[in-house]
Amino acid sequence: MKIRNQKRISSRSDEIIAACALLYQSKSFKDITILDISKETSFTRTSIYNYFHSKEEIFLALFEREYRYWVKDLKDILLGYSTLDLLTFSNLIADGLSKRTLLLKLLSMNHYDMEENSRYENLISFKKAYKEALETMERLISKFFPKASKDDINSFIYSFFPFIFGVYPYCFVSSKQVDAMKGADVHYLSYSIHDLVYQTTRLLLDKFNN
């Protein structure tokens, strides 16, 4: 009975998270409400609060889901190859993040409000997904770049992860932003997610590749 209840709760939570993801394709975080989410599900606004205490908790759960999807991508690389050169590795990392536009968009959000308005146990669950991403990336660097020291690996991870927080807003620029940069005489080069991640990954790893 307990397992059945847990599965039912998980299924209903997943439906709410999926509805949030759908809305986030066309609306901003601040414009999405619990009522909006309920309209995309089989739940009333009030019943959603049986599973999530705030809109921020729903977004945090979505964020966790997307981290876990990316971790699976990383583990596929870890298990699927015995050796990789720098360029192929960088390309695979870029390919993986190119598929994770939603994760990159969430990374560009204000995490402080999201985390402050979520229950502690939800935040712990999210941080575990983040930790798994860090640890999986560490395993990847250790496997495919055996000359890298522990300090080298930490240097890469704590440069790469802050970097990906800025990928989405750099690659997805509105026409208004483009016009403003032209008006301010700002030189802007347009890059795809793949190109930006590929180039940065390659540059960060090159120093301890030889």
N, C-alpha and C. Protein backbone atom coordinates (compact mmCIF):
# COMPACT_ATOMS: atom_id res chain seq x y z
N MET A 1 0.83 -1.21 0.00
CA MET A 1 0.00 0.00 0.00
C MET A 1 0.86 1.26 0.00
N LYS A 2 1.94 1.24 0.82
CA LYS A 2 2.82 2.41 0.91
C LYS A 2 3.50 2.67 -0.43
N ILE A 3 3.97 1.60 -1.07
CA ILE A 3 4.63 1.74 -2.37
C ILE A 3 3.65 2.27 -3.41
N ARG A 4 2.41 1.78 -3.37
CA ARG A 4 1.39 2.23 -4.31
C ARG A 4 1.09 3.71 -4.11
N ASN A 5 1.02 4.14 -2.86
CA ASN A 5 0.78 5.56 -2.57
C ASN A 5 1.93 6.43 -3.05
N GLN A 6 3.16 5.94 -2.85
CA GLN A 6 4.33 6.70 -3.29
C GLN A 6 4.34 6.85 -4.80
N LYS A 7 3.96 5.78 -5.51
CA LYS A 7 3.91 5.84 -6.97
C LYS A 7 2.84 6.82 -7.45
N ARG A 8 1.70 6.84 -6.75
CA ARG A 8 0.62 7.75 -7.12
C ARG A 8 1.05 9.20 -6.89
N ILE A 9 1.70 9.44 -5.76
CA ILE A 9 2.18 10.80 -5.47
C ILE A 9 3.21 11.23 -6.50
N SER A 10 4.12 10.31 -6.85
CA SER A 10 5.15 10.62 -7.82
C SER A 10 4.55 10.91 -9.19
N SER A 11 3.56 10.12 -9.58
CA SER A 11 2.90 10.32 -10.87
C SER A 11 2.20 11.66 -10.93
N ARG A 12 1.52 12.02 -9.86
CA ARG A 12 0.81 13.30 -9.83
C ARG A 12 1.79 14.47 -9.78
N SER A 13 2.88 14.30 -9.05
CA SER A 13 3.90 15.35 -9.02
C SER A 13 4.51 15.54 -10.40
N ASP A 14 4.75 14.43 -11.09
CA ASP A 14 5.32 14.51 -12.43
C ASP A 14 4.39 15.24 -13.39
N GLU A 15 3.09 15.03 -13.25
CA GLU A 15 2.12 15.71 -14.11
C GLU A 15 2.18 17.22 -13.89
N ILE A 16 2.30 17.63 -12.64
CA ILE A 16 2.38 19.06 -12.30
C ILE A 16 3.68 19.66 -12.84
N ILE A 17 4.78 18.93 -12.68
CA ILE A 17 6.08 19.40 -13.17
C ILE A 17 6.06 19.54 -14.69
N ALA A 18 5.46 18.56 -15.37
CA ALA A 18 5.38 18.60 -16.83
C ALA A 18 4.55 19.80 -17.30
N ALA A 19 3.49 20.11 -16.57
CA ALA A 19 2.66 21.27 -16.91
C ALA A 19 3.45 22.56 -16.76
N CYS A 20 4.25 22.63 -15.71
CA CYS A 20 5.09 23.80 -15.48
C CYS A 20 6.10 23.96 -16.62
N ALA A 21 6.69 22.85 -17.04
CA ALA A 21 7.67 22.89 -18.14
C ALA A 21 7.02 23.38 -19.43
N LEU A 22 5.81 22.93 -19.67
CA LEU A 22 5.08 23.34 -20.87
C LEU A 22 4.83 24.85 -20.87
N LEU A 23 4.36 25.36 -19.75
CA LEU A 23 4.08 26.79 -19.64
C LEU A 23 5.35 27.63 -19.77
N TYR A 24 6.45 27.09 -19.26
CA TYR A 24 7.71 27.83 -19.24
C TYR A 24 8.30 28.00 -20.64
N GLN A 25 7.76 27.28 -21.61
CA GLN A 25 8.21 27.44 -22.99
C GLN A 25 7.77 28.78 -23.57
N SER A 26 6.64 29.29 -23.08
CA SER A 26 6.08 30.51 -23.67
C SER A 26 5.86 31.65 -22.66
N LYS A 27 6.01 31.36 -21.37
CA LYS A 27 5.79 32.39 -20.35
C LYS A 27 6.99 32.45 -19.41
N SER A 28 7.18 33.60 -18.81
CA SER A 28 8.29 33.76 -17.87
C SER A 28 7.90 33.22 -16.50
N PHE A 29 8.91 33.01 -15.67
CA PHE A 29 8.68 32.52 -14.30
C PHE A 29 7.70 33.41 -13.55
N LYS A 30 7.90 34.72 -13.64
CA LYS A 30 7.07 35.63 -12.85
C LYS A 30 5.62 35.65 -13.31
N ASP A 31 5.38 35.28 -14.58
CA ASP A 31 4.02 35.33 -15.12
C ASP A 31 3.25 34.02 -14.93
N ILE A 32 3.93 32.96 -14.57
CA ILE A 32 3.26 31.67 -14.36
C ILE A 32 2.71 31.60 -12.95
N THR A 33 1.46 31.20 -12.81
CA THR A 33 0.83 31.07 -11.50
C THR A 33 0.43 29.62 -11.25
N ILE A 34 0.11 29.32 -10.01
CA ILE A 34 -0.39 27.99 -9.66
C ILE A 34 -1.68 27.71 -10.43
N LEU A 35 -2.50 28.72 -10.59
CA LEU A 35 -3.74 28.55 -11.35
C LEU A 35 -3.45 28.18 -12.80
N ASP A 36 -2.47 28.84 -13.41
CA ASP A 36 -2.07 28.49 -14.78
C ASP A 36 -1.66 27.03 -14.86
N ILE A 37 -0.86 26.61 -13.91
CA ILE A 37 -0.37 25.22 -13.91
C ILE A 37 -1.53 24.25 -13.74
N SER A 38 -2.46 24.58 -12.86
CA SER A 38 -3.60 23.68 -12.62
C SER A 38 -4.42 23.49 -13.89
N LYS A 39 -4.52 24.53 -14.72
CA LYS A 39 -5.31 24.44 -15.95
C LYS A 39 -4.70 23.48 -16.97
N GLU A 40 -3.41 23.20 -16.81
CA GLU A 40 -2.73 22.26 -17.71
C GLU A 40 -2.69 20.84 -17.15
N THR A 41 -3.33 20.66 -15.98
CA THR A 41 -3.32 19.34 -15.33
C THR A 41 -4.76 18.91 -15.04
N SER A 42 -4.87 17.78 -14.37
CA SER A 42 -6.18 17.29 -13.93
C SER A 42 -6.48 17.73 -12.50
N PHE A 43 -5.69 18.68 -11.98
CA PHE A 43 -5.83 19.12 -10.60
C PHE A 43 -6.44 20.53 -10.51
N THR A 44 -7.09 20.79 -9.41
CA THR A 44 -7.50 22.16 -9.11
C THR A 44 -6.31 22.90 -8.52
N ARG A 45 -6.41 24.21 -8.49
CA ARG A 45 -5.33 24.99 -7.89
C ARG A 45 -5.08 24.58 -6.45
N THR A 46 -6.17 24.38 -5.70
CA THR A 46 -6.04 24.03 -4.29
C THR A 46 -5.39 22.67 -4.10
N SER A 47 -5.73 21.71 -4.95
CA SER A 47 -5.20 20.35 -4.78
C SER A 47 -3.72 20.27 -5.10
N ILE A 48 -3.21 21.20 -5.91
CA ILE A 48 -1.77 21.20 -6.20
C ILE A 48 -0.96 21.42 -4.93
N TYR A 49 -1.54 22.16 -3.99
CA TYR A 49 -0.83 22.42 -2.74
C TYR A 49 -0.67 21.18 -1.87
N ASN A 50 -1.32 20.09 -2.24
CA ASN A 50 -1.08 18.82 -1.55
C ASN A 50 0.27 18.23 -1.92
N TYR A 51 0.84 18.71 -3.03
CA TYR A 51 2.10 18.17 -3.53
C TYR A 51 3.23 19.18 -3.50
N PHE A 52 2.91 20.43 -3.72
CA PHE A 52 3.91 21.50 -3.70
C PHE A 52 3.34 22.69 -2.93
N HIS A 53 4.16 23.28 -2.08
CA HIS A 53 3.69 24.38 -1.24
C HIS A 53 3.79 25.75 -1.90
N SER A 54 4.47 25.81 -3.04
CA SER A 54 4.63 27.10 -3.71
C SER A 54 4.99 26.87 -5.18
N LYS A 55 4.86 27.91 -5.96
CA LYS A 55 5.28 27.85 -7.36
C LYS A 55 6.78 27.58 -7.43
N GLU A 56 7.52 28.17 -6.50
CA GLU A 56 8.97 27.98 -6.49
C GLU A 56 9.34 26.51 -6.29
N GLU A 57 8.58 25.79 -5.47
CA GLU A 57 8.85 24.37 -5.28
C GLU A 57 8.64 23.58 -6.56
N ILE A 58 7.65 23.94 -7.33
CA ILE A 58 7.40 23.25 -8.60
C ILE A 58 8.57 23.50 -9.55
N PHE A 59 9.03 24.74 -9.61
CA PHE A 59 10.17 25.05 -10.47
C PHE A 59 11.43 24.35 -9.98
N LEU A 60 11.60 24.26 -8.68
CA LEU A 60 12.77 23.58 -8.13
C LEU A 60 12.74 22.09 -8.51
N ALA A 61 11.56 21.49 -8.47
CA ALA A 61 11.41 20.09 -8.86
C ALA A 61 11.69 19.92 -10.35
N LEU A 62 11.25 20.87 -11.16
CA LEU A 62 11.55 20.85 -12.59
C LEU A 62 13.06 20.97 -12.82
N PHE A 63 13.67 21.84 -12.08
CA PHE A 63 15.12 22.04 -12.14
C PHE A 63 15.84 20.74 -11.81
N GLU A 64 15.41 20.08 -10.73
CA GLU A 64 16.00 18.80 -10.33
C GLU A 64 15.84 17.76 -11.43
N ARG A 65 14.66 17.70 -12.03
CA ARG A 65 14.41 16.74 -13.11
C ARG A 65 15.38 16.96 -14.27
N GLU A 66 15.58 18.23 -14.63
CA GLU A 66 16.45 18.54 -15.75
C GLU A 66 17.91 18.23 -15.44
N TYR A 67 18.34 18.45 -14.19
CA TYR A 67 19.69 18.06 -13.79
C TYR A 67 19.86 16.55 -13.95
N ARG A 68 18.86 15.79 -13.53
CA ARG A 68 18.96 14.33 -13.59
C ARG A 68 18.98 13.85 -15.04
N TYR A 69 18.24 14.51 -15.92
CA TYR A 69 18.32 14.18 -17.35
C TYR A 69 19.74 14.39 -17.87
N TRP A 70 20.34 15.52 -17.48
CA TRP A 70 21.70 15.82 -17.94
C TRP A 70 22.70 14.82 -17.37
N VAL A 71 22.54 14.46 -16.11
CA VAL A 71 23.42 13.46 -15.51
C VAL A 71 23.37 12.15 -16.29
N LYS A 72 22.18 11.77 -16.73
CA LYS A 72 22.06 10.56 -17.54
C LYS A 72 22.86 10.70 -18.83
N ASP A 73 22.79 11.87 -19.46
CA ASP A 73 23.58 12.12 -20.67
C ASP A 73 25.07 11.96 -20.38
N LEU A 74 25.51 12.52 -19.26
CA LEU A 74 26.93 12.44 -18.90
C LEU A 74 27.35 11.00 -18.61
N LYS A 75 26.49 10.26 -17.94
CA LYS A 75 26.81 8.86 -17.64
C LYS A 75 26.85 8.01 -18.91
N ASP A 76 26.04 8.37 -19.88
CA ASP A 76 26.09 7.66 -21.17
C ASP A 76 27.46 7.83 -21.82
N ILE A 77 28.04 9.01 -21.69
CA ILE A 77 29.39 9.25 -22.21
C ILE A 77 30.39 8.43 -21.40
N LEU A 78 30.24 8.46 -20.08
CA LEU A 78 31.17 7.76 -19.18
C LEU A 78 31.21 6.26 -19.48
N LEU A 79 30.04 5.67 -19.72
CA LEU A 79 29.95 4.22 -19.92
C LEU A 79 30.10 3.82 -21.39
N GLY A 80 29.91 4.77 -22.29
CA GLY A 80 29.89 4.42 -23.71
C GLY A 80 31.23 4.48 -24.42
N TYR A 81 32.25 5.03 -23.76
CA TYR A 81 33.55 5.19 -24.41
C TYR A 81 34.67 4.75 -23.46
N SER A 82 35.68 4.16 -24.05
CA SER A 82 36.85 3.77 -23.25
C SER A 82 37.89 4.89 -23.23
N THR A 83 38.03 5.57 -24.37
CA THR A 83 38.93 6.73 -24.46
C THR A 83 38.26 7.81 -25.32
N LEU A 84 38.65 9.05 -25.08
CA LEU A 84 38.16 10.17 -25.89
C LEU A 84 39.26 11.21 -25.99
N ASP A 85 39.43 11.79 -27.17
CA ASP A 85 40.36 12.91 -27.29
C ASP A 85 39.63 14.19 -26.91
N LEU A 86 40.40 15.26 -26.81
CA LEU A 86 39.85 16.54 -26.33
C LEU A 86 38.71 17.04 -27.20
N LEU A 87 38.88 16.99 -28.51
CA LEU A 87 37.88 17.56 -29.41
C LEU A 87 36.58 16.75 -29.39
N THR A 88 36.72 15.42 -29.36
CA THR A 88 35.52 14.57 -29.32
C THR A 88 34.79 14.73 -28.00
N PHE A 89 35.55 14.78 -26.91
CA PHE A 89 34.94 14.98 -25.59
C PHE A 89 34.20 16.30 -25.54
N SER A 90 34.82 17.37 -26.02
CA SER A 90 34.19 18.69 -26.00
C SER A 90 32.93 18.70 -26.85
N ASN A 91 32.97 18.00 -27.96
CA ASN A 91 31.81 17.92 -28.84
C ASN A 91 30.66 17.18 -28.17
N LEU A 92 30.97 16.10 -27.45
CA LEU A 92 29.93 15.33 -26.77
C LEU A 92 29.28 16.14 -25.64
N ILE A 93 30.09 16.88 -24.90
CA ILE A 93 29.54 17.74 -23.84
C ILE A 93 28.65 18.82 -24.45
N ALA A 94 29.09 19.39 -25.57
CA ALA A 94 28.30 20.42 -26.26
C ALA A 94 27.01 19.84 -26.81
N ASP A 95 27.08 18.64 -27.38
CA ASP A 95 25.87 17.98 -27.88
C ASP A 95 24.85 17.77 -26.76
N GLY A 96 25.36 17.30 -25.60
CA GLY A 96 24.47 17.03 -24.47
C GLY A 96 23.75 18.27 -23.98
N LEU A 97 24.49 19.37 -23.83
CA LEU A 97 23.86 20.59 -23.33
C LEU A 97 22.98 21.25 -24.38
N SER A 98 23.25 21.00 -25.66
CA SER A 98 22.38 21.53 -26.71
C SER A 98 20.98 20.95 -26.61
N LYS A 99 20.88 19.74 -26.05
CA LYS A 99 19.57 19.09 -25.86
C LYS A 99 18.89 19.56 -24.58
N ARG A 100 19.62 20.26 -23.74
CA ARG A 100 19.12 20.62 -22.41
C ARG A 100 18.85 22.12 -22.31
N THR A 101 18.14 22.66 -23.28
CA THR A 101 17.83 24.09 -23.28
C THR A 101 17.06 24.50 -22.03
N LEU A 102 16.15 23.63 -21.59
CA LEU A 102 15.36 23.96 -20.40
C LEU A 102 16.24 24.05 -19.16
N LEU A 103 17.19 23.14 -19.03
CA LEU A 103 18.13 23.22 -17.91
C LEU A 103 18.91 24.53 -17.95
N LEU A 104 19.40 24.90 -19.12
CA LEU A 104 20.17 26.13 -19.25
C LEU A 104 19.32 27.36 -18.94
N LYS A 105 18.06 27.31 -19.34
CA LYS A 105 17.15 28.43 -19.03
C LYS A 105 16.93 28.54 -17.53
N LEU A 106 16.74 27.41 -16.87
CA LEU A 106 16.54 27.40 -15.42
C LEU A 106 17.80 27.87 -14.69
N LEU A 107 18.96 27.51 -15.22
CA LEU A 107 20.22 27.93 -14.61
C LEU A 107 20.37 29.45 -14.61
N SER A 108 19.74 30.10 -15.58
CA SER A 108 19.87 31.56 -15.69
C SER A 108 18.90 32.31 -14.78
N MET A 109 18.04 31.57 -14.07
CA MET A 109 17.05 32.20 -13.19
C MET A 109 17.66 32.67 -11.89
N ASN A 110 16.85 33.39 -11.10
CA ASN A 110 17.24 33.80 -9.75
C ASN A 110 17.03 32.63 -8.79
N HIS A 111 18.10 31.93 -8.49
CA HIS A 111 17.99 30.74 -7.64
C HIS A 111 17.62 31.09 -6.20
N TYR A 112 18.01 32.28 -5.78
CA TYR A 112 17.79 32.64 -4.37
C TYR A 112 16.31 32.57 -4.02
N ASP A 113 15.46 33.20 -4.82
CA ASP A 113 14.02 33.18 -4.54
C ASP A 113 13.44 31.78 -4.63
N MET A 114 13.89 31.02 -5.62
CA MET A 114 13.39 29.67 -5.80
C MET A 114 13.72 28.79 -4.57
N GLU A 115 14.93 28.91 -4.10
CA GLU A 115 15.36 28.07 -2.99
C GLU A 115 14.82 28.55 -1.65
N GLU A 116 14.71 29.86 -1.49
CA GLU A 116 14.20 30.41 -0.23
C GLU A 116 12.72 30.08 -0.02
N ASN A 117 11.99 29.87 -1.10
CA ASN A 117 10.56 29.61 -1.00
C ASN A 117 10.22 28.13 -1.22
N SER A 118 11.19 27.27 -0.94
CA SER A 118 10.99 25.83 -1.02
C SER A 118 11.31 25.20 0.33
N ARG A 119 10.63 24.12 0.64
CA ARG A 119 10.90 23.43 1.89
C ARG A 119 12.30 22.81 1.89
N TYR A 120 12.84 22.67 3.09
CA TYR A 120 14.21 22.18 3.25
C TYR A 120 14.41 20.82 2.59
N GLU A 121 13.45 19.90 2.75
CA GLU A 121 13.61 18.57 2.18
C GLU A 121 13.62 18.60 0.65
N ASN A 122 12.86 19.52 0.07
CA ASN A 122 12.86 19.68 -1.39
C ASN A 122 14.20 20.24 -1.86
N LEU A 123 14.74 21.17 -1.09
CA LEU A 123 16.02 21.76 -1.44
C LEU A 123 17.14 20.73 -1.34
N ILE A 124 17.09 19.88 -0.34
CA ILE A 124 18.08 18.81 -0.19
C ILE A 124 18.04 17.88 -1.40
N SER A 125 16.84 17.50 -1.83
CA SER A 125 16.69 16.62 -2.99
C SER A 125 17.29 17.26 -4.24
N PHE A 126 17.04 18.55 -4.41
CA PHE A 126 17.60 19.28 -5.54
C PHE A 126 19.12 19.32 -5.47
N LYS A 127 19.66 19.60 -4.30
CA LYS A 127 21.11 19.70 -4.15
C LYS A 127 21.78 18.35 -4.41
N LYS A 128 21.09 17.25 -4.14
CA LYS A 128 21.65 15.93 -4.43
C LYS A 128 21.79 15.73 -5.93
N ALA A 129 20.81 16.23 -6.71
CA ALA A 129 20.91 16.14 -8.16
C ALA A 129 22.08 16.97 -8.68
N TYR A 130 22.24 18.17 -8.10
CA TYR A 130 23.36 19.03 -8.46
C TYR A 130 24.69 18.35 -8.12
N LYS A 131 24.75 17.76 -6.94
CA LYS A 131 25.97 17.06 -6.51
C LYS A 131 26.31 15.92 -7.46
N GLU A 132 25.30 15.19 -7.91
CA GLU A 132 25.54 14.08 -8.83
C GLU A 132 26.10 14.58 -10.16
N ALA A 133 25.64 15.74 -10.60
CA ALA A 133 26.18 16.33 -11.83
C ALA A 133 27.66 16.67 -11.65
N LEU A 134 28.01 17.28 -10.53
CA LEU A 134 29.40 17.61 -10.24
C LEU A 134 30.26 16.36 -10.20
N GLU A 135 29.79 15.34 -9.48
CA GLU A 135 30.57 14.12 -9.32
C GLU A 135 30.72 13.35 -10.62
N THR A 136 29.68 13.36 -11.44
CA THR A 136 29.76 12.67 -12.73
C THR A 136 30.74 13.37 -13.66
N MET A 137 30.73 14.69 -13.66
CA MET A 137 31.69 15.42 -14.47
C MET A 137 33.11 15.15 -13.97
N GLU A 138 33.29 15.07 -12.68
CA GLU A 138 34.61 14.76 -12.12
C GLU A 138 35.08 13.39 -12.60
N ARG A 139 34.18 12.41 -12.62
CA ARG A 139 34.52 11.07 -13.09
C ARG A 139 34.88 11.09 -14.58
N LEU A 140 34.17 11.90 -15.35
CA LEU A 140 34.47 12.01 -16.78
C LEU A 140 35.88 12.56 -17.02
N ILE A 141 36.23 13.63 -16.31
CA ILE A 141 37.55 14.23 -16.50
C ILE A 141 38.63 13.26 -16.04
N SER A 142 38.40 12.59 -14.92
CA SER A 142 39.38 11.63 -14.41
C SER A 142 39.62 10.49 -15.39
N LYS A 143 38.56 10.02 -16.04
CA LYS A 143 38.66 8.90 -16.96
C LYS A 143 39.33 9.28 -18.27
N PHE A 144 38.89 10.38 -18.87
CA PHE A 144 39.34 10.71 -20.21
C PHE A 144 40.56 11.63 -20.26
N PHE A 145 40.91 12.21 -19.11
CA PHE A 145 42.09 13.07 -19.03
C PHE A 145 42.91 12.66 -17.80
N PRO A 146 43.50 11.48 -17.86
CA PRO A 146 44.17 10.90 -16.67
C PRO A 146 45.34 11.72 -16.15
N LYS A 147 45.88 12.60 -16.97
CA LYS A 147 47.00 13.44 -16.51
C LYS A 147 46.52 14.60 -15.63
N ALA A 148 45.22 14.83 -15.61
CA ALA A 148 44.68 15.94 -14.81
C ALA A 148 44.78 15.62 -13.32
N SER A 149 45.32 16.54 -12.56
CA SER A 149 45.40 16.37 -11.12
C SER A 149 44.06 16.71 -10.48
N LYS A 150 43.95 16.46 -9.20
CA LYS A 150 42.73 16.82 -8.47
C LYS A 150 42.48 18.32 -8.57
N ASP A 151 43.53 19.10 -8.47
CA ASP A 151 43.39 20.56 -8.59
C ASP A 151 42.95 20.96 -10.00
N ASP A 152 43.49 20.26 -11.00
CA ASP A 152 43.08 20.52 -12.38
C ASP A 152 41.59 20.28 -12.57
N ILE A 153 41.12 19.16 -12.02
CA ILE A 153 39.71 18.79 -12.15
C ILE A 153 38.83 19.82 -11.46
N ASN A 154 39.21 20.21 -10.26
CA ASN A 154 38.43 21.23 -9.53
C ASN A 154 38.43 22.55 -10.28
N SER A 155 39.58 22.89 -10.87
CA SER A 155 39.67 24.13 -11.64
C SER A 155 38.70 24.10 -12.82
N PHE A 156 38.62 22.96 -13.51
CA PHE A 156 37.68 22.84 -14.63
C PHE A 156 36.24 22.94 -14.15
N ILE A 157 35.89 22.14 -13.14
CA ILE A 157 34.50 22.07 -12.68
C ILE A 157 34.00 23.42 -12.20
N TYR A 158 34.82 24.11 -11.42
CA TYR A 158 34.37 25.38 -10.84
C TYR A 158 34.58 26.57 -11.77
N SER A 159 35.02 26.28 -12.99
CA SER A 159 34.96 27.27 -14.08
C SER A 159 33.80 26.91 -15.01
N PHE A 160 33.66 25.63 -15.31
CA PHE A 160 32.64 25.20 -16.27
C PHE A 160 31.22 25.40 -15.74
N PHE A 161 30.97 25.02 -14.49
CA PHE A 161 29.60 25.12 -13.97
C PHE A 161 29.12 26.57 -13.86
N PRO A 162 29.93 27.49 -13.35
CA PRO A 162 29.48 28.89 -13.39
C PRO A 162 29.29 29.39 -14.83
N PHE A 163 30.12 28.91 -15.75
CA PHE A 163 29.99 29.32 -17.16
C PHE A 163 28.61 28.95 -17.72
N ILE A 164 28.14 27.73 -17.45
CA ILE A 164 26.87 27.32 -18.07
C ILE A 164 25.67 28.09 -17.53
N PHE A 165 25.82 28.77 -16.39
CA PHE A 165 24.75 29.63 -15.89
C PHE A 165 24.45 30.76 -16.88
N GLY A 166 25.44 31.14 -17.65
CA GLY A 166 25.26 32.27 -18.55
C GLY A 166 25.03 31.91 -20.00
N VAL A 167 24.99 30.61 -20.31
CA VAL A 167 24.87 30.20 -21.71
C VAL A 167 23.52 30.61 -22.31
N TYR A 168 22.44 30.33 -21.59
CA TYR A 168 21.11 30.60 -22.15
C TYR A 168 20.91 32.09 -22.47
N PRO A 169 21.13 33.00 -21.51
CA PRO A 169 20.89 34.41 -21.84
C PRO A 169 21.84 34.95 -22.91
N TYR A 170 23.00 34.30 -23.10
CA TYR A 170 23.88 34.76 -24.17
C TYR A 170 23.40 34.28 -25.53
N CYS A 171 22.92 33.04 -25.59
CA CYS A 171 22.53 32.46 -26.88
C CYS A 171 21.11 32.84 -27.31
N PHE A 172 20.26 33.18 -26.36
CA PHE A 172 18.88 33.54 -26.69
C PHE A 172 18.66 35.02 -26.37
N VAL A 173 18.93 35.83 -27.36
CA VAL A 173 18.86 37.28 -27.19
C VAL A 173 17.67 37.81 -27.99
N SER A 174 16.85 38.63 -27.34
CA SER A 174 15.67 39.18 -28.02
C SER A 174 16.07 40.27 -29.00
N SER A 175 15.17 40.58 -29.93
CA SER A 175 15.44 41.65 -30.90
C SER A 175 15.63 42.99 -30.19
N LYS A 176 14.92 43.18 -29.09
CA LYS A 176 15.06 44.41 -28.31
C LYS A 176 16.47 44.52 -27.74
N GLN A 177 16.99 43.39 -27.23
CA GLN A 177 18.34 43.39 -26.67
C GLN A 177 19.38 43.65 -27.76
N VAL A 178 19.17 43.04 -28.93
CA VAL A 178 20.09 43.25 -30.05
C VAL A 178 20.11 44.72 -30.46
N ASP A 179 18.93 45.32 -30.55
CA ASP A 179 18.84 46.74 -30.93
C ASP A 179 19.53 47.62 -29.89
N ALA A 180 19.35 47.27 -28.61
CA ALA A 180 19.97 48.06 -27.54
C ALA A 180 21.49 47.96 -27.60
N MET A 181 22.01 46.77 -27.91
CA MET A 181 23.46 46.61 -28.02
C MET A 181 24.00 47.41 -29.19
N LYS A 182 23.25 47.41 -30.29
CA LYS A 182 23.66 48.22 -31.44
C LYS A 182 23.66 49.70 -31.07
N GLY A 183 22.62 50.11 -30.32
CA GLY A 183 22.52 51.50 -29.90
C GLY A 183 23.64 51.90 -28.96
N ALA A 184 24.11 50.94 -28.16
CA ALA A 184 25.21 51.20 -27.22
C ALA A 184 26.58 50.90 -27.84
N ASP A 185 26.57 50.52 -29.12
CA ASP A 185 27.80 50.20 -29.84
C ASP A 185 28.55 49.04 -29.16
N VAL A 186 27.78 48.02 -28.75
CA VAL A 186 28.36 46.82 -28.16
C VAL A 186 28.55 45.78 -29.27
N HIS A 187 29.76 45.25 -29.38
CA HIS A 187 30.04 44.24 -30.39
C HIS A 187 29.55 42.88 -29.88
N TYR A 188 28.54 42.33 -30.53
CA TYR A 188 27.95 41.06 -30.09
C TYR A 188 28.12 40.00 -31.17
N LEU A 189 28.74 38.88 -30.79
CA LEU A 189 28.88 37.74 -31.69
C LEU A 189 27.86 36.68 -31.30
N SER A 190 27.08 36.25 -32.27
CA SER A 190 26.05 35.25 -32.01
C SER A 190 26.63 33.85 -32.08
N TYR A 191 26.40 33.06 -31.02
CA TYR A 191 26.86 31.68 -30.98
C TYR A 191 25.69 30.76 -30.66
N SER A 192 25.73 29.55 -31.19
CA SER A 192 24.77 28.53 -30.78
C SER A 192 25.22 27.96 -29.44
N ILE A 193 24.32 27.28 -28.74
CA ILE A 193 24.70 26.61 -27.50
C ILE A 193 25.86 25.66 -27.75
N HIS A 194 25.76 24.89 -28.82
CA HIS A 194 26.80 23.90 -29.12
C HIS A 194 28.15 24.58 -29.30
N ASP A 195 28.19 25.62 -30.12
CA ASP A 195 29.47 26.27 -30.40
C ASP A 195 30.08 26.90 -29.15
N LEU A 196 29.25 27.54 -28.36
CA LEU A 196 29.75 28.21 -27.16
C LEU A 196 30.27 27.20 -26.14
N VAL A 197 29.51 26.11 -25.92
CA VAL A 197 29.94 25.09 -24.95
C VAL A 197 31.17 24.34 -25.47
N TYR A 198 31.17 24.03 -26.76
CA TYR A 198 32.31 23.32 -27.34
C TYR A 198 33.60 24.12 -27.18
N GLN A 199 33.57 25.38 -27.56
CA GLN A 199 34.77 26.19 -27.50
C GLN A 199 35.27 26.36 -26.06
N THR A 200 34.34 26.60 -25.14
CA THR A 200 34.73 26.83 -23.75
C THR A 200 35.27 25.56 -23.11
N THR A 201 34.60 24.43 -23.36
CA THR A 201 35.08 23.15 -22.82
C THR A 201 36.48 22.84 -23.32
N ARG A 202 36.68 23.02 -24.60
CA ARG A 202 38.00 22.74 -25.20
C ARG A 202 39.07 23.64 -24.59
N LEU A 203 38.78 24.91 -24.44
CA LEU A 203 39.76 25.84 -23.89
C LEU A 203 40.09 25.53 -22.42
N LEU A 204 39.07 25.18 -21.65
CA LEU A 204 39.29 24.90 -20.22
C LEU A 204 40.09 23.62 -20.01
N LEU A 205 39.93 22.66 -20.91
CA LEU A 205 40.61 21.37 -20.74
C LEU A 205 41.98 21.34 -21.42
N ASP A 206 42.20 22.22 -22.35
CA ASP A 206 43.42 22.16 -23.16
C ASP A 206 44.69 22.29 -22.32
N LYS A 207 44.63 23.05 -21.25
CA LYS A 207 45.84 23.32 -20.47
C LYS A 207 46.40 22.08 -19.77
N PHE A 208 45.54 21.07 -19.52
CA PHE A 208 46.10 19.84 -18.95
C PHE A 208 45.78 18.62 -19.81
N ASN A 209 45.66 18.86 -21.11
CA ASN A 209 45.38 17.77 -22.04
C ASN A 209 46.67 17.07 -22.49
N ASN A 210 47.80 17.80 -22.49
CA ASN A 210 49.04 17.23 -23.02
C ASN A 210 49.83 16.47 -21.96
